[in-house]
Amino acid sequence: MTTQHKEIGPVVAHPGQPLYESVKQALTEAIDSGYYQPGKRMPSTKELSRQMSVSLVTAHRALQELVAVGLLERTRGRGTYVVENHRDVRPKLRVGVVLHPDASLADFYHNQILEGMRRAAMEYNTDLLLLGYESDNRQDLHAYVVVNPVSQDLDDLADHVASKAPIFVVGARSERDGLPSIDTDNVDLAEQAVNHLFHLGHRRIGCVIGGSRFANNRDRRDGFIKACRSLGIADHDRPIVEVDGWELGANDKLKLNRMLGGDGLTAVFAGGYYLALDVYQAAGTIGLSIPQDLTVVGVDDPPSAARLRPSLTTLRQPLTHLGHSAISGVVKYLGEDNHQLRSETLRAELVIRRSSGAPRCTD
């Protein structure tokens, strides 16, 4: 005897949402309402595609998603059935990870934050979708995690997100009221670098820092200036080269060469790993030895930092932890009534290597 199935009506895609998500949502609602009973067999993929006026591929994708979250189960040769205890199944969360257009997944900073996110997503059975700022109108996301945003981009995203999904900032201090963040304390990071150099005996310390449109760079610059002033280092003894990007352009390299060749400069705080590499290159170009003539302290600690000649003293950020905490915090916020998203700052770790040294004695 052939089983007769109720028919579900056609499905129309919602703006900003893939059609299979609309089909998935309609089927979920039908299951929750009892339209499809627990333990009962679902219509075939072909039949559902006909009833819902969607392609076979779309219907198949929606059914796959419902199997993945535990609402349906498939048995080879028997078909697809509604899970008996489906009301106890926790729906799979979907989090959009928003990256700045200049961000590179090959970069150590972004790579490590994303690795932490990946681990948390596996642990909490959460889907991550990599997005740009132009994808802010999606309807199928439970939350957004924004990596090291520019303030204006973050404001635009928060103003135009089409849903009530929470936004959490990682790898930067959130400058928008009401948006929590998790980041390294970048003011303290720069202060640690300056204090280390000062206690080695350096009294004329230069700084190479990235563009001020990113809060991290502004905080590191402010921390550098604050630490120098608290230690009595005069403004003219703390020259700063500020660059637009993550690495030095041709004009920036000329500025850096002039700074390194200045009278009495013995140390440099480089506010990024690639900037530290630029300092190494510039020092070699003008004949300065590290650390004999110039001590260098950088930021971030990829494996190559220990393999440089000489190995680089650096401020190690807990990047993987930042990424993991961002996703786990969002998941707990969405799933636990008493869990709140609060801003948090973590401390960088000073890793001292051979690029650190006392200044040469001069007559």
Foldseek 3Di string as FASTA:
>chain_A
DDDDADFDAAWDDDPQEDRLVRVLVSVVVCDVVCSAPAPDADDDLVRNCVRHVHDSVSSVVSVVQCVLQPQWPADPPPHIGGHNPNVPGDHAAEEEEEEEPPDDCPDPLNVLLVLLQVVLCVVRVHHYHYDYLVSQAHDRHQAYEYEQDQQVSVVVSVVPRNDPRAYEYFQACHPDPPHAYEHAQLLVQLLVVVVLQVVLPAQQEEEEFEDPSTRSRVSNVVSNVVNNVVVPRDPVSYHYQYYHDQADDPVSLVVLLCVLPDPRHQEYEYEADRHQVSNVVSCVVVVHDFNARYAYEYEADDPCQVVDVNRHWYFHTPSSVRSNCRNVLSSCVVVPVPRDRHYYHDYTDTDDTRSDHHYDDDD
